[in-house]
Each structure stands twice: as structure tokens, then as C-alpha cells.
Protein backbone atom coordinates (compact mmCIF):
# COMPACT_ATOMS: atom_id res chain seq x y z
CA UNK A 1 118.62 284.95 160.33
CA UNK A 2 116.90 283.95 163.84
CA UNK A 3 118.12 284.77 167.09
CA UNK A 4 119.78 281.54 167.83
CA UNK A 5 122.23 282.68 164.53
CA UNK A 6 122.49 285.86 166.36
CA UNK A 7 123.53 284.28 169.94
CA UNK A 8 126.24 282.37 168.45
CA UNK A 9 127.63 285.26 166.52
CA UNK A 10 128.13 287.58 169.45
CA UNK A 11 129.50 284.48 171.25
CA UNK A 12 131.97 283.69 168.83
CA UNK A 13 132.79 287.28 168.59
CA UNK A 14 133.19 287.79 172.72
CA UNK A 15 135.59 284.32 172.41
CA UNK A 16 137.34 285.85 169.23
CA UNK A 17 138.52 288.88 171.30
CA UNK A 18 138.39 287.41 174.41
CA UNK A 19 135.66 289.17 176.06
CA UNK A 20 132.98 287.41 178.66
CA UNK A 21 129.75 287.52 177.87
CA UNK A 22 126.53 286.63 179.40
CA UNK A 23 123.47 286.34 177.22
CA UNK A 24 120.89 286.50 179.81
CA UNK A 25 122.37 290.38 180.27
CA UNK A 26 120.61 291.63 176.92
CA UNK A 27 120.33 295.77 176.95
CA UNK A 28 117.95 295.69 173.94
CA UNK A 29 116.00 293.72 171.09
CA UNK A 30 114.60 294.93 168.39
CA UNK A 31 114.12 294.50 164.33
CA UNK A 32 117.28 294.97 163.61
CA UNK A 33 119.75 292.20 166.17
CA UNK A 34 120.10 291.87 169.37
CA UNK A 35 122.64 293.88 172.09
CA UNK A 36 124.57 292.56 174.88
CA UNK A 37 126.23 293.72 177.67
CA UNK A 38 130.20 291.94 178.01
CA UNK A 39 131.73 291.50 181.48
CA UNK A 40 133.97 294.52 180.05
CA UNK A 41 131.06 296.94 180.13
CA UNK A 42 131.03 297.32 176.64
CA UNK A 43 127.80 296.35 174.15
CA UNK A 44 127.88 294.19 171.77
CA UNK A 45 125.29 293.93 168.58
CA UNK A 46 124.67 291.13 166.29
CA UNK A 47 122.89 292.45 163.89
CA UNK A 48 120.45 290.67 161.46
CA UNK A 49 121.27 291.70 158.13
CA UNK A 50 124.47 293.07 156.21
CA UNK A 51 122.97 296.41 155.36
CA UNK A 52 121.83 296.93 158.67
CA UNK A 53 125.69 296.31 160.61
CA UNK A 54 126.92 298.10 157.45
CA UNK A 55 124.97 301.32 158.51
CA UNK A 56 126.03 300.98 162.38
CA UNK A 57 129.41 300.03 162.02
CA UNK A 58 130.36 303.00 159.49
CA UNK A 59 127.82 305.86 161.47
CA UNK A 60 130.50 305.49 164.74
CA UNK A 61 133.36 305.08 162.06
CA UNK A 62 132.25 308.12 160.87
CA UNK A 63 131.63 310.04 163.95
CA UNK A 64 135.06 308.77 165.18
CA UNK A 65 136.57 309.98 162.72
CA UNK A 66 134.99 313.33 162.97
CA UNK A 67 136.17 312.97 166.75
CA UNK A 68 132.64 312.40 168.11
CA UNK A 69 133.20 310.22 170.05
CA UNK A 70 130.99 310.38 173.40
CA UNK A 71 128.08 313.53 173.11
CA UNK A 72 126.81 314.90 169.59
CA UNK A 73 124.41 318.13 170.99
CA UNK A 74 124.38 317.32 174.19
CA UNK A 75 123.42 313.41 173.88
CA UNK A 76 125.52 310.65 174.50
CA UNK A 77 126.17 307.96 171.39
CA UNK A 78 128.30 304.98 172.12
CA UNK A 79 131.61 305.08 170.57
CA UNK A 80 132.79 301.79 168.63
CA UNK A 81 135.44 299.37 170.08
CA UNK A 82 135.37 296.86 167.44
CA UNK A 83 133.73 294.73 164.92
CA UNK A 84 133.53 292.24 162.88
CA UNK A 85 132.18 291.90 158.97
CA UNK A 86 131.57 288.14 158.83
CA UNK A 87 129.52 287.69 161.85
CA UNK A 88 127.77 291.55 161.50
CA UNK A 89 128.87 292.10 164.87
CA UNK A 90 129.71 295.70 166.43
CA UNK A 91 131.26 296.53 169.82
CA UNK A 92 130.49 299.65 172.04
CA UNK A 93 130.58 301.75 174.66
CA UNK A 94 127.34 301.51 177.25
CA UNK A 95 126.07 305.13 177.02
CA UNK A 96 125.41 306.00 180.94
CA UNK A 97 122.35 307.45 181.03
CA UNK A 98 119.68 310.44 179.02
CA UNK A 99 119.85 311.89 176.87
CA UNK A 100 121.12 309.32 174.36
CA UNK A 101 120.52 308.32 171.12
CA UNK A 102 120.99 304.60 170.26
CA UNK A 103 120.79 302.34 167.20
CA UNK A 104 122.22 303.44 163.81
CA UNK A 105 121.23 300.50 161.53
CA UNK A 106 118.91 302.07 160.07
CA UNK A 107 120.51 305.63 158.64
CA UNK A 108 121.98 306.54 155.24
CA UNK A 109 125.05 307.65 154.77
CA UNK A 110 125.86 310.00 152.41
CA UNK A 111 122.04 310.02 150.41
CA UNK A 112 119.81 312.30 151.79
CA UNK A 113 116.54 310.76 152.18
CA UNK A 114 113.42 312.38 149.55
CA UNK A 115 109.87 312.44 151.57
CA UNK A 116 106.99 314.19 150.60
CA UNK A 117 105.44 316.97 152.46
CA UNK A 118 102.83 314.43 153.83
CA UNK A 119 105.43 312.00 155.68
CA UNK A 120 107.21 315.10 156.79
CA UNK A 121 104.72 316.90 158.36
CA UNK A 122 103.57 313.52 159.76
CA UNK A 123 107.08 313.18 160.86
CA UNK A 124 106.65 316.85 162.51
CA UNK A 125 103.19 315.89 164.02
CA UNK A 126 104.72 312.55 165.95
CA UNK A 127 107.64 314.53 166.78
CA UNK A 128 105.87 316.77 169.22
CA UNK A 129 103.66 314.35 170.22
CA UNK A 130 106.69 311.71 171.23
CA UNK A 131 108.50 314.85 172.41
CA UNK A 132 106.69 317.69 173.21
CA UNK A 133 108.69 320.76 173.99
CA UNK A 134 111.92 319.07 173.45
CA UNK A 135 111.26 318.43 169.84
CA UNK A 136 113.87 321.21 168.78
CA UNK A 137 116.75 319.27 170.45
CA UNK A 138 115.65 315.96 168.67
CA UNK A 139 115.77 317.87 165.22
CA UNK A 140 119.05 319.52 166.72
CA UNK A 141 120.56 316.24 166.89
CA UNK A 142 119.01 314.84 163.36
CA UNK A 143 120.87 318.10 162.05
CA UNK A 144 123.63 317.61 163.60
CA UNK A 145 124.72 313.99 162.29
CA UNK A 146 123.77 315.23 158.74
CA UNK A 147 126.33 317.83 159.03
CA UNK A 148 128.24 314.50 159.03
CA UNK A 149 126.83 312.74 156.06
CA UNK A 150 124.38 310.44 158.44
CA UNK A 151 120.96 310.58 158.05
CA UNK A 152 119.11 309.02 160.89
CA UNK A 153 116.04 307.42 159.45
CA UNK A 154 114.80 305.98 162.94
CA UNK A 155 114.39 308.56 165.61
CA UNK A 156 111.73 307.53 167.84
CA UNK A 157 111.39 307.33 171.60
CA UNK A 158 113.57 304.03 172.73
CA UNK A 159 116.42 305.55 170.66
CA UNK A 160 116.82 308.77 171.59
CA UNK A 161 116.03 308.83 175.23
CA UNK A 162 115.50 311.88 177.95
CA UNK A 163 115.97 311.91 181.35
CA UNK A 164 112.79 311.18 183.07
CA UNK A 165 111.66 309.18 179.92
CA UNK A 166 110.60 305.43 180.57
CA UNK A 167 111.88 303.19 178.18
CA UNK A 168 109.80 300.39 178.89
CA UNK A 169 106.61 301.79 177.89
CA UNK A 170 107.88 303.79 175.58
CA UNK A 171 105.90 303.45 171.68
CA UNK A 172 107.96 301.29 168.67
CA UNK A 173 105.25 302.11 166.11
CA UNK A 174 105.26 301.56 162.45
CA UNK A 175 107.60 304.07 160.80
CA UNK A 176 107.80 305.24 157.09
CA UNK A 177 111.69 305.13 155.77
CA UNK A 178 112.88 302.67 158.79
């Protein structure tokens, strides 16, 4: 799906919901979709694929079902406001600042992934490299998500952010399982 289709889907969602949307107010752009800030201080994310969309939507709905709507293990996370299954659009809260976790398009719900010992060793090495002494906090967050049946497969800087992190310079390396 090209970017113009994502923009059209976000605009249509905003029109149907009566939400002002300025496409110049982009909050994020990645392999899964594009996120814009609405005129009512929410984020509107148009996703590339149905799989990514349903992962994102279902993660937020699962967390909401368990009463997790703002913070988990000290990390801010967006709460779901609305969604459209035809347009592949999710509307969510805007997180106010770090620490936070974003982007649930690359998850598995209720299906634990299996990784080789080498892949797990690489995961541990990168985690320490990226987050240093904060790596145990990231692991606690991932464990908490797993307790709700959400297996987060895209833990990287930019998706999991701490105070003082420079989001503009964070790496977006190729990741197995993502």
C-alpha cells in the first residue's frame, strides 16, 4: 500500500469521526504505517497491512480489557480511542513523554514465538547495547506484556523510549522476528 492510500484512509477516518486532521502534523512513519496528530490531540495511525492493523488494534483492546490504559511497568502507552477495520486505521492517545512504548503492529497475540539460542543471545546483546543499565526495565515491560498474551516482537529504540533518549538519532536495524 503506498503512502497516498494511507493518507486517504486517515483523512476518511477523520472525516467520518468529525476530527480535524492536518497531514503536515506527522508523528511517525515506518514500515508498518504512518501516524498523524489530529486536531483533538489524538494520534491517527493508518497501517499498511491487515495483519499489522489487527495486531495493533487487538493489542490495545486486550490491554484495555485488562484495565491497562495508560501505564505498564512505568511506561506510558497509548490507549485506543477508535478504529476502522475497513480503512485499517487506529486512533489512540498521544503519549506525553518518556518512558513510553509504541507500535504494536509487530506482535503475536496468544502465540509465543520460538527463537534459537543464537537469536536469543543476539537479542540480549542488542538489548544491553541499546539500553545499557535500563535493559532490565525493558525486559520487565516485555514480560508484563506477555502476561496479557502480547508477545512484542519489535523492541528497539524508537519504539521503547526513556527520558533523555534522542529519538531522531535512534537506530532502526533489521530485526529477526519483526
